[in-house]
Amino acid sequence: MKPVEFALRLGEGQNAGSISMHLESTTWKLSGIGLPSKVLANIVDRLPTR
């Protein structure tokens, strides 16, 4: 078995974020960032409204 992608959770509970990595050739590269729900809600609240 050869892993080609994995996710790593950074903490526990609602305040935990995560990252996803994928294997490209012989190098691991960042493929995603999972923000904690509080951080994501804060960003959404700051978006301009029309």
N, C-alpha and C. Protein backbone atom coordinates (compact mmCIF):
# COMPACT_ATOMS: atom_id res chain seq x y z
N MET A 1 0.83 -1.16 0.00
CA MET A 1 0.00 0.00 0.00
C MET A 1 0.89 1.24 0.00
N LYS A 2 0.55 2.19 -0.87
CA LYS A 2 1.33 3.42 -0.97
C LYS A 2 0.40 4.61 -0.73
N PRO A 3 0.56 5.33 0.37
CA PRO A 3 -0.31 6.47 0.62
C PRO A 3 -0.03 7.59 -0.38
N VAL A 4 -1.09 8.20 -0.88
CA VAL A 4 -0.93 9.32 -1.81
C VAL A 4 -1.59 10.59 -1.29
N GLU A 5 -2.36 10.46 -0.20
CA GLU A 5 -2.99 11.64 0.40
C GLU A 5 -3.28 11.34 1.86
N PHE A 6 -3.16 12.36 2.71
CA PHE A 6 -3.55 12.20 4.10
C PHE A 6 -4.01 13.54 4.66
N ALA A 7 -4.78 13.48 5.73
CA ALA A 7 -5.23 14.67 6.44
C ALA A 7 -4.73 14.58 7.88
N LEU A 8 -4.34 15.71 8.41
CA LEU A 8 -3.83 15.79 9.76
C LEU A 8 -4.65 16.80 10.54
N ARG A 9 -5.28 16.36 11.59
CA ARG A 9 -6.09 17.24 12.42
C ARG A 9 -5.19 17.93 13.43
N LEU A 10 -5.37 19.24 13.58
CA LEU A 10 -4.51 20.04 14.45
C LEU A 10 -5.28 20.45 15.69
N GLY A 11 -5.42 19.55 16.64
CA GLY A 11 -6.12 19.83 17.88
C GLY A 11 -7.35 18.95 18.02
N GLU A 12 -8.15 19.30 19.04
CA GLU A 12 -9.37 18.53 19.31
C GLU A 12 -10.56 19.46 19.43
N GLY A 13 -11.73 18.94 19.20
CA GLY A 13 -12.97 19.70 19.38
C GLY A 13 -13.21 20.71 18.28
N GLN A 14 -14.09 21.68 18.57
CA GLN A 14 -14.48 22.66 17.56
C GLN A 14 -13.36 23.63 17.20
N ASN A 15 -12.36 23.76 18.05
CA ASN A 15 -11.28 24.70 17.77
C ASN A 15 -10.15 24.07 16.96
N ALA A 16 -10.34 22.86 16.49
CA ALA A 16 -9.30 22.17 15.74
C ALA A 16 -9.38 22.50 14.25
N GLY A 17 -8.25 22.76 13.68
CA GLY A 17 -8.14 22.90 12.24
C GLY A 17 -7.54 21.63 11.67
N SER A 18 -7.28 21.64 10.38
CA SER A 18 -6.66 20.48 9.76
C SER A 18 -5.93 20.90 8.49
N ILE A 19 -5.03 20.06 8.06
CA ILE A 19 -4.37 20.24 6.77
C ILE A 19 -4.46 18.92 6.00
N SER A 20 -4.47 19.02 4.69
CA SER A 20 -4.43 17.85 3.82
C SER A 20 -3.18 17.95 2.95
N MET A 21 -2.52 16.82 2.79
CA MET A 21 -1.31 16.76 1.97
C MET A 21 -1.50 15.68 0.90
N HIS A 22 -0.91 15.90 -0.27
CA HIS A 22 -0.94 14.87 -1.30
C HIS A 22 0.47 14.66 -1.85
N LEU A 23 0.70 13.46 -2.31
CA LEU A 23 2.01 13.09 -2.84
C LEU A 23 2.04 13.41 -4.33
N GLU A 24 3.00 14.26 -4.70
CA GLU A 24 3.19 14.61 -6.11
C GLU A 24 4.62 14.22 -6.47
N SER A 25 4.75 13.19 -7.28
CA SER A 25 6.04 12.61 -7.63
C SER A 25 6.69 12.07 -6.35
N THR A 26 7.73 12.72 -5.85
CA THR A 26 8.39 12.27 -4.62
C THR A 26 8.27 13.28 -3.49
N THR A 27 7.37 14.27 -3.64
CA THR A 27 7.26 15.36 -2.68
C THR A 27 5.84 15.49 -2.16
N TRP A 28 5.70 15.70 -0.85
CA TRP A 28 4.39 15.97 -0.26
C TRP A 28 4.08 17.45 -0.43
N LYS A 29 2.86 17.74 -0.89
CA LYS A 29 2.44 19.13 -1.09
C LYS A 29 1.12 19.38 -0.39
N LEU A 30 0.96 20.60 0.10
CA LEU A 30 -0.27 21.00 0.76
C LEU A 30 -1.41 21.03 -0.25
N SER A 31 -2.51 20.35 0.07
CA SER A 31 -3.65 20.35 -0.85
C SER A 31 -4.90 20.96 -0.23
N GLY A 32 -4.88 21.26 1.07
CA GLY A 32 -6.05 21.89 1.67
C GLY A 32 -5.82 22.28 3.11
N ILE A 33 -6.57 23.30 3.53
CA ILE A 33 -6.53 23.76 4.91
C ILE A 33 -7.96 23.78 5.43
N GLY A 34 -8.20 23.10 6.53
CA GLY A 34 -9.51 23.09 7.16
C GLY A 34 -9.49 24.04 8.36
N LEU A 35 -10.23 25.12 8.27
CA LEU A 35 -10.26 26.09 9.35
C LEU A 35 -11.26 25.67 10.43
N PRO A 36 -10.96 26.01 11.68
CA PRO A 36 -11.93 25.75 12.75
C PRO A 36 -13.21 26.53 12.47
N SER A 37 -14.34 26.02 12.93
CA SER A 37 -15.62 26.64 12.62
C SER A 37 -15.71 28.08 13.11
N LYS A 38 -15.13 28.40 14.26
CA LYS A 38 -15.16 29.77 14.77
C LYS A 38 -14.39 30.72 13.86
N VAL A 39 -13.25 30.29 13.38
CA VAL A 39 -12.44 31.11 12.48
C VAL A 39 -13.17 31.32 11.16
N LEU A 40 -13.73 30.25 10.63
CA LEU A 40 -14.47 30.34 9.37
C LEU A 40 -15.68 31.27 9.51
N ALA A 41 -16.41 31.17 10.61
CA ALA A 41 -17.56 32.04 10.84
C ALA A 41 -17.12 33.50 10.94
N ASN A 42 -16.00 33.76 11.58
CA ASN A 42 -15.47 35.11 11.70
C ASN A 42 -15.12 35.69 10.33
N ILE A 43 -14.51 34.88 9.47
CA ILE A 43 -14.17 35.33 8.12
C ILE A 43 -15.44 35.64 7.33
N VAL A 44 -16.43 34.76 7.41
CA VAL A 44 -17.68 34.96 6.68
C VAL A 44 -18.39 36.21 7.16
N ASP A 45 -18.36 36.47 8.45
CA ASP A 45 -19.01 37.66 9.01
C ASP A 45 -18.36 38.95 8.52
N ARG A 46 -17.11 38.89 8.14
CA ARG A 46 -16.38 40.09 7.66
C ARG A 46 -16.52 40.32 6.18
N LEU A 47 -17.11 39.39 5.45
CA LEU A 47 -17.28 39.57 4.01
C LEU A 47 -18.25 40.72 3.74
N PRO A 48 -17.96 41.51 2.71
CA PRO A 48 -18.87 42.62 2.40
C PRO A 48 -20.24 42.10 1.94
N THR A 49 -21.25 42.85 2.28
CA THR A 49 -22.61 42.51 1.84
C THR A 49 -23.02 43.51 0.77
N ARG A 50 -23.94 43.12 -0.06
CA ARG A 50 -24.40 44.02 -1.13
C ARG A 50 -25.63 44.75 -0.71
